[in-house]
Amino acid sequence: MYKGSARDLRKRVTDHMQGRVARTRNRRPLTLIYVEYFADYTAARIRENRLKSGQGRKWLKAWVAEWQTHRT
């Protein structure tokens, strides 16, 4: 599971899908499943760091599990 922040979401997703991001290059194809929008980039980075913490990772893992059960 990759977590990140971007100033331009479309460009960032395109970069990931085309293999221009080393972190996800070998994990394609990718599926974007969750997005949050923030008023400024600093707030987005704070949220990204929270999602990368133990509590945030636990919350996101539960959210993904719930999403997977409802997507069919």
PDB file of N, CA and C in Angstrom:
ATOM      1  N   MET A   1       0.851  -1.166   0.000  1.00  0.00           N
ATOM      2  CA  MET A   1       0.000   0.000   0.000  1.00  0.00           C
ATOM      3  C   MET A   1       0.900   1.233   0.000  1.00  0.00           C
ATOM      4  N   TYR A   2       0.667   2.117  -0.943  1.00  0.00           N
ATOM      5  CA  TYR A   2       1.458   3.339  -1.069  1.00  0.00           C
ATOM      6  C   TYR A   2       0.632   4.519  -0.569  1.00  0.00           C
ATOM      7  N   LYS A   3       1.261   5.371   0.207  1.00  0.00           N
ATOM      8  CA  LYS A   3       0.627   6.590   0.683  1.00  0.00           C
ATOM      9  C   LYS A   3       1.498   7.760   0.265  1.00  0.00           C
ATOM     10  N   GLY A   4       0.884   8.810  -0.264  1.00  0.00           N
ATOM     11  CA  GLY A   4       1.672   9.958  -0.676  1.00  0.00           C
ATOM     12  C   GLY A   4       0.811  11.187  -0.821  1.00  0.00           C
ATOM     13  N   SER A   5       1.462  12.321  -0.982  1.00  0.00           N
ATOM     14  CA  SER A   5       0.750  13.577  -1.200  1.00  0.00           C
ATOM     15  C   SER A   5       1.269  14.189  -2.494  1.00  0.00           C
ATOM     16  N   ALA A   6       0.435  15.020  -3.098  1.00  0.00           N
ATOM     17  CA  ALA A   6       0.807  15.620  -4.383  1.00  0.00           C
ATOM     18  C   ALA A   6       0.119  16.963  -4.546  1.00  0.00           C
ATOM     19  N   ARG A   7       0.768  17.836  -5.249  1.00  0.00           N
ATOM     20  CA  ARG A   7       0.155  19.122  -5.576  1.00  0.00           C
ATOM     21  C   ARG A   7      -0.766  18.968  -6.794  1.00  0.00           C
ATOM     22  N   ASP A   8      -0.437  18.021  -7.677  1.00  0.00           N
ATOM     23  CA  ASP A   8      -1.221  17.761  -8.886  1.00  0.00           C
ATOM     24  C   ASP A   8      -1.507  16.262  -8.941  1.00  0.00           C
ATOM     25  N   LEU A   9      -2.700  15.868  -8.492  1.00  0.00           N
ATOM     26  CA  LEU A   9      -3.047  14.454  -8.373  1.00  0.00           C
ATOM     27  C   LEU A   9      -2.994  13.737  -9.716  1.00  0.00           C
ATOM     28  N   ARG A  10      -3.556  14.338 -10.750  1.00  0.00           N
ATOM     29  CA  ARG A  10      -3.561  13.676 -12.067  1.00  0.00           C
ATOM     30  C   ARG A  10      -2.154  13.383 -12.557  1.00  0.00           C
ATOM     31  N   LYS A  11      -1.265  14.345 -12.426  1.00  0.00           N
ATOM     32  CA  LYS A  11       0.114  14.141 -12.864  1.00  0.00           C
ATOM     33  C   LYS A  11       0.792  13.058 -12.026  1.00  0.00           C
ATOM     34  N   ARG A  12       0.556  13.083 -10.732  1.00  0.00           N
ATOM     35  CA  ARG A  12       1.181  12.098  -9.843  1.00  0.00           C
ATOM     36  C   ARG A  12       0.702  10.684 -10.160  1.00  0.00           C
ATOM     37  N   VAL A  13      -0.592  10.514 -10.391  1.00  0.00           N
ATOM     38  CA  VAL A  13      -1.123   9.192 -10.741  1.00  0.00           C
ATOM     39  C   VAL A  13      -0.548   8.740 -12.077  1.00  0.00           C
ATOM     40  N   THR A  14      -0.478   9.645 -13.049  1.00  0.00           N
ATOM     41  CA  THR A  14       0.104   9.308 -14.356  1.00  0.00           C
ATOM     42  C   THR A  14       1.553   8.875 -14.198  1.00  0.00           C
ATOM     43  N   ASP A  15       2.314   9.584 -13.395  1.00  0.00           N
ATOM     44  CA  ASP A  15       3.715   9.217 -13.149  1.00  0.00           C
ATOM     45  C   ASP A  15       3.812   7.808 -12.570  1.00  0.00           C
ATOM     46  N   HIS A  16       2.958   7.489 -11.621  1.00  0.00           N
ATOM     47  CA  HIS A  16       2.958   6.151 -11.020  1.00  0.00           C
ATOM     48  C   HIS A  16       2.590   5.093 -12.060  1.00  0.00           C
ATOM     49  N   MET A  17       1.538   5.349 -12.823  1.00  0.00           N
ATOM     50  CA  MET A  17       1.053   4.368 -13.797  1.00  0.00           C
ATOM     51  C   MET A  17       2.059   4.105 -14.913  1.00  0.00           C
ATOM     52  N   GLN A  18       2.847   5.121 -15.260  1.00  0.00           N
ATOM     53  CA  GLN A  18       3.819   4.969 -16.340  1.00  0.00           C
ATOM     54  C   GLN A  18       5.189   4.523 -15.844  1.00  0.00           C
ATOM     55  N   GLY A  19       5.299   4.196 -14.559  1.00  0.00           N
ATOM     56  CA  GLY A  19       6.540   3.661 -14.025  1.00  0.00           C
ATOM     57  C   GLY A  19       7.624   4.686 -13.755  1.00  0.00           C
ATOM     58  N   ARG A  20       7.247   5.952 -13.642  1.00  0.00           N
ATOM     59  CA  ARG A  20       8.238   7.002 -13.390  1.00  0.00           C
ATOM     60  C   ARG A  20       8.515   7.229 -11.905  1.00  0.00           C
ATOM     61  N   VAL A  21       7.886   6.427 -11.041  1.00  0.00           N
ATOM     62  CA  VAL A  21       8.098   6.534  -9.599  1.00  0.00           C
ATOM     63  C   VAL A  21       8.701   5.216  -9.130  1.00  0.00           C
ATOM     64  N   ALA A  22       9.940   5.283  -8.651  1.00  0.00           N
ATOM     65  CA  ALA A  22      10.670   4.072  -8.281  1.00  0.00           C
ATOM     66  C   ALA A  22       9.929   3.244  -7.238  1.00  0.00           C
ATOM     67  N   ARG A  23       9.280   3.897  -6.292  1.00  0.00           N
ATOM     68  CA  ARG A  23       8.615   3.204  -5.184  1.00  0.00           C
ATOM     69  C   ARG A  23       7.500   2.262  -5.647  1.00  0.00           C
ATOM     70  N   THR A  24       6.833   2.601  -6.744  1.00  0.00           N
ATOM     71  CA  THR A  24       5.712   1.789  -7.220  1.00  0.00           C
ATOM     72  C   THR A  24       5.952   1.156  -8.588  1.00  0.00           C
ATOM     73  N   ARG A  25       7.101   1.362  -9.158  1.00  0.00           N
ATOM     74  CA  ARG A  25       7.394   0.886 -10.512  1.00  0.00           C
ATOM     75  C   ARG A  25       7.128  -0.609 -10.683  1.00  0.00           C
ATOM     76  N   ASN A  26       7.528  -1.417  -9.719  1.00  0.00           N
ATOM     77  CA  ASN A  26       7.390  -2.862  -9.837  1.00  0.00           C
ATOM     78  C   ASN A  26       6.083  -3.398  -9.258  1.00  0.00           C
ATOM     79  N   ARG A  27       5.163  -2.509  -8.924  1.00  0.00           N
ATOM     80  CA  ARG A  27       3.891  -2.949  -8.330  1.00  0.00           C
ATOM     81  C   ARG A  27       2.699  -2.652  -9.241  1.00  0.00           C
ATOM     82  N   ARG A  28       2.955  -2.352 -10.496  1.00  0.00           N
ATOM     83  CA  ARG A  28       1.872  -2.021 -11.416  1.00  0.00           C
ATOM     84  C   ARG A  28       1.179  -3.280 -11.900  1.00  0.00           C
ATOM     85  N   PRO A  29      -0.086  -3.241 -12.276  1.00  0.00           N
ATOM     86  CA  PRO A  29      -0.949  -2.055 -12.328  1.00  0.00           C
ATOM     87  C   PRO A  29      -1.403  -1.624 -10.934  1.00  0.00           C
ATOM     88  N   LEU A  30      -1.644  -0.355 -10.798  1.00  0.00           N
ATOM     89  CA  LEU A  30      -2.048   0.235  -9.527  1.00  0.00           C
ATOM     90  C   LEU A  30      -3.523   0.608  -9.568  1.00  0.00           C
ATOM     91  N   THR A  31      -4.126   0.690  -8.415  1.00  0.00           N
ATOM     92  CA  THR A  31      -5.510   1.132  -8.305  1.00  0.00           C
ATOM     93  C   THR A  31      -5.583   2.224  -7.248  1.00  0.00           C
ATOM     94  N   LEU A  32      -6.053   3.386  -7.650  1.00  0.00           N
ATOM     95  CA  LEU A  32      -6.258   4.487  -6.708  1.00  0.00           C
ATOM     96  C   LEU A  32      -7.583   4.236  -5.999  1.00  0.00           C
ATOM     97  N   ILE A  33      -7.539   4.106  -4.678  1.00  0.00           N
ATOM     98  CA  ILE A  33      -8.768   3.756  -3.973  1.00  0.00           C
ATOM     99  C   ILE A  33      -9.205   4.803  -2.952  1.00  0.00           C
ATOM    100  N   TYR A  34      -8.332   5.758  -2.632  1.00  0.00           N
ATOM    101  CA  TYR A  34      -8.707   6.706  -1.584  1.00  0.00           C
ATOM    102  C   TYR A  34      -7.983   8.028  -1.813  1.00  0.00           C
ATOM    103  N   VAL A  35      -8.721   9.113  -1.725  1.00  0.00           N
ATOM    104  CA  VAL A  35      -8.169  10.452  -1.910  1.00  0.00           C
ATOM    105  C   VAL A  35      -8.756  11.374  -0.859  1.00  0.00           C
ATOM    106  N   GLU A  36      -7.927  12.235  -0.316  1.00  0.00           N
ATOM    107  CA  GLU A  36      -8.386  13.311   0.560  1.00  0.00           C
ATOM    108  C   GLU A  36      -7.836  14.610  -0.012  1.00  0.00           C
ATOM    109  N   TYR A  37      -8.621  15.664   0.050  1.00  0.00           N
ATOM    110  CA  TYR A  37      -8.187  16.975  -0.418  1.00  0.00           C
ATOM    111  C   TYR A  37      -8.020  17.911   0.769  1.00  0.00           C
ATOM    112  N   PHE A  38      -7.003  18.777   0.698  1.00  0.00           N
ATOM    113  CA  PHE A  38      -6.708  19.726   1.763  1.00  0.00           C
ATOM    114  C   PHE A  38      -6.525  21.120   1.187  1.00  0.00           C
ATOM    115  N   ALA A  39      -6.724  22.110   2.022  1.00  0.00           N
ATOM    116  CA  ALA A  39      -6.611  23.501   1.586  1.00  0.00           C
ATOM    117  C   ALA A  39      -5.180  23.865   1.198  1.00  0.00           C
ATOM    118  N   ASP A  40      -4.210  23.228   1.832  1.00  0.00           N
ATOM    119  CA  ASP A  40      -2.823  23.535   1.498  1.00  0.00           C
ATOM    120  C   ASP A  40      -1.962  22.267   1.594  1.00  0.00           C
ATOM    121  N   TYR A  41      -0.812  22.335   0.962  1.00  0.00           N
ATOM    122  CA  TYR A  41       0.080  21.177   0.875  1.00  0.00           C
ATOM    123  C   TYR A  41       0.627  20.774   2.242  1.00  0.00           C
ATOM    124  N   THR A  42       0.862  21.739   3.111  1.00  0.00           N
ATOM    125  CA  THR A  42       1.376  21.434   4.445  1.00  0.00           C
ATOM    126  C   THR A  42       0.400  20.540   5.211  1.00  0.00           C
ATOM    127  N   ALA A  43      -0.881  20.854   5.134  1.00  0.00           N
ATOM    128  CA  ALA A  43      -1.894  20.025   5.805  1.00  0.00           C
ATOM    129  C   ALA A  43      -1.926  18.624   5.198  1.00  0.00           C
ATOM    130  N   ALA A  44      -1.749  18.538   3.886  1.00  0.00           N
ATOM    131  CA  ALA A  44      -1.729  17.229   3.217  1.00  0.00           C
ATOM    132  C   ALA A  44      -0.543  16.395   3.687  1.00  0.00           C
ATOM    133  N   ARG A  45       0.609  17.020   3.848  1.00  0.00           N
ATOM    134  CA  ARG A  45       1.803  16.304   4.313  1.00  0.00           C
ATOM    135  C   ARG A  45       1.628  15.828   5.758  1.00  0.00           C
ATOM    136  N   ILE A  46       0.996  16.635   6.575  1.00  0.00           N
ATOM    137  CA  ILE A  46       0.733  16.242   7.960  1.00  0.00           C
ATOM    138  C   ILE A  46      -0.164  15.007   7.974  1.00  0.00           C
ATOM    139  N   ARG A  47      -1.200  15.000   7.132  1.00  0.00           N
ATOM    140  CA  ARG A  47      -2.103  13.849   7.052  1.00  0.00           C
ATOM    141  C   ARG A  47      -1.371  12.625   6.516  1.00  0.00           C
ATOM    142  N   GLU A  48      -0.524  12.820   5.508  1.00  0.00           N
ATOM    143  CA  GLU A  48       0.264  11.702   4.964  1.00  0.00           C
ATOM    144  C   GLU A  48       1.123  11.074   6.059  1.00  0.00           C
ATOM    145  N   ASN A  49       1.795  11.887   6.828  1.00  0.00           N
ATOM    146  CA  ASN A  49       2.623  11.371   7.922  1.00  0.00           C
ATOM    147  C   ASN A  49       1.784  10.646   8.961  1.00  0.00           C
ATOM    148  N   ARG A  50       0.583  11.128   9.215  1.00  0.00           N
ATOM    149  CA  ARG A  50      -0.324  10.450  10.154  1.00  0.00           C
ATOM    150  C   ARG A  50      -0.703   9.062   9.627  1.00  0.00           C
ATOM    151  N   LEU A  51      -0.989   8.987   8.320  1.00  0.00           N
ATOM    152  CA  LEU A  51      -1.362   7.700   7.727  1.00  0.00           C
ATOM    153  C   LEU A  51      -0.188   6.723   7.702  1.00  0.00           C
ATOM    154  N   LYS A  52       1.008   7.239   7.776  1.00  0.00           N
ATOM    155  CA  LYS A  52       2.194   6.386   7.796  1.00  0.00           C
ATOM    156  C   LYS A  52       2.577   5.969   9.219  1.00  0.00           C
ATOM    157  N   SER A  53       1.894   6.529  10.221  1.00  0.00           N
ATOM    158  CA  SER A  53       2.157   6.157  11.614  1.00  0.00           C
ATOM    159  C   SER A  53       1.428   4.859  11.931  1.00  0.00           C
ATOM    160  N   GLY A  54       1.673   4.300  13.089  1.00  0.00           N
ATOM    161  CA  GLY A  54       1.024   3.061  13.488  1.00  0.00           C
ATOM    162  C   GLY A  54      -0.492   3.164  13.515  1.00  0.00           C
ATOM    163  N   GLN A  55      -1.019   4.202  14.162  1.00  0.00           N
ATOM    164  CA  GLN A  55      -2.479   4.380  14.251  1.00  0.00           C
ATOM    165  C   GLN A  55      -3.086   4.650  12.877  1.00  0.00           C
ATOM    166  N   GLY A  56      -2.421   5.488  12.095  1.00  0.00           N
ATOM    167  CA  GLY A  56      -2.929   5.811  10.758  1.00  0.00           C
ATOM    168  C   GLY A  56      -2.910   4.600   9.845  1.00  0.00           C
ATOM    169  N   ARG A  57      -1.848   3.828   9.905  1.00  0.00           N
ATOM    170  CA  ARG A  57      -1.731   2.616   9.092  1.00  0.00           C
ATOM    171  C   ARG A  57      -2.838   1.630   9.463  1.00  0.00           C
ATOM    172  N   LYS A  58      -3.113   1.499  10.762  1.00  0.00           N
ATOM    173  CA  LYS A  58      -4.168   0.609  11.245  1.00  0.00           C
ATOM    174  C   LYS A  58      -5.532   1.066  10.713  1.00  0.00           C
ATOM    175  N   TRP A  59      -5.819   2.381  10.792  1.00  0.00           N
ATOM    176  CA  TRP A  59      -7.071   2.925  10.299  1.00  0.00           C
ATOM    177  C   TRP A  59      -7.213   2.690   8.802  1.00  0.00           C
ATOM    178  N   LEU A  60      -6.155   2.967   8.050  1.00  0.00           N
ATOM    179  CA  LEU A  60      -6.213   2.822   6.599  1.00  0.00           C
ATOM    180  C   LEU A  60      -6.376   1.365   6.189  1.00  0.00           C
ATOM    181  N   LYS A  61      -5.703   0.466   6.880  1.00  0.00           N
ATOM    182  CA  LYS A  61      -5.830  -0.961   6.590  1.00  0.00           C
ATOM    183  C   LYS A  61      -7.272  -1.426   6.808  1.00  0.00           C
ATOM    184  N   ALA A  62      -7.903  -0.967   7.877  1.00  0.00           N
ATOM    185  CA  ALA A  62      -9.309  -1.306   8.143  1.00  0.00           C
ATOM    186  C   ALA A  62     -10.212  -0.710   7.076  1.00  0.00           C
ATOM    187  N   TRP A  63      -9.930   0.526   6.654  1.00  0.00           N
ATOM    188  CA  TRP A  63     -10.732   1.182   5.621  1.00  0.00           C
ATOM    189  C   TRP A  63     -10.637   0.403   4.310  1.00  0.00           C
ATOM    190  N   VAL A  64      -9.440  -0.015   3.937  1.00  0.00           N
ATOM    191  CA  VAL A  64      -9.243  -0.780   2.704  1.00  0.00           C
ATOM    192  C   VAL A  64      -9.975  -2.112   2.782  1.00  0.00           C
ATOM    193  N   ALA A  65      -9.901  -2.789   3.903  1.00  0.00           N
ATOM    194  CA  ALA A  65     -10.597  -4.071   4.075  1.00  0.00           C
ATOM    195  C   ALA A  65     -12.107  -3.868   3.885  1.00  0.00           C
ATOM    196  N   GLU A  66     -12.644  -2.813   4.456  1.00  0.00           N
ATOM    197  CA  GLU A  66     -14.067  -2.509   4.300  1.00  0.00           C
ATOM    198  C   GLU A  66     -14.405  -2.199   2.846  1.00  0.00           C
ATOM    199  N   TRP A  67     -13.567  -1.412   2.180  1.00  0.00           N
ATOM    200  CA  TRP A  67     -13.760  -1.083   0.776  1.00  0.00           C
ATOM    201  C   TRP A  67     -13.760  -2.334  -0.099  1.00  0.00           C
ATOM    202  N   GLN A  68     -12.855  -3.247   0.183  1.00  0.00           N
ATOM    203  CA  GLN A  68     -12.754  -4.474  -0.608  1.00  0.00           C
ATOM    204  C   GLN A  68     -14.009  -5.333  -0.477  1.00  0.00           C
ATOM    205  N   THR A  69     -14.645  -5.342   0.688  1.00  0.00           N
ATOM    206  CA  THR A  69     -15.846  -6.160   0.864  1.00  0.00           C
ATOM    207  C   THR A  69     -17.058  -5.567   0.137  1.00  0.00           C
ATOM    208  N   HIS A  70     -17.024  -4.256  -0.140  1.00  0.00           N
ATOM    209  CA  HIS A  70     -18.162  -3.600  -0.786  1.00  0.00           C
ATOM    210  C   HIS A  70     -17.973  -3.313  -2.268  1.00  0.00           C
ATOM    211  N   ARG A  71     -16.819  -3.599  -2.818  1.00  0.00           N
ATOM    212  CA  ARG A  71     -16.572  -3.218  -4.215  1.00  0.00           C
ATOM    213  C   ARG A  71     -17.107  -4.210  -5.226  1.00  0.00           C
ATOM    214  N   THR A  72     -17.549  -5.372  -4.813  1.00  0.00           N
ATOM    215  CA  THR A  72     -18.061  -6.354  -5.774  1.00  0.00           C
ATOM    216  C   THR A  72     -19.540  -6.220  -5.978  1.00  0.00           C
TER     217      THR A  72
END
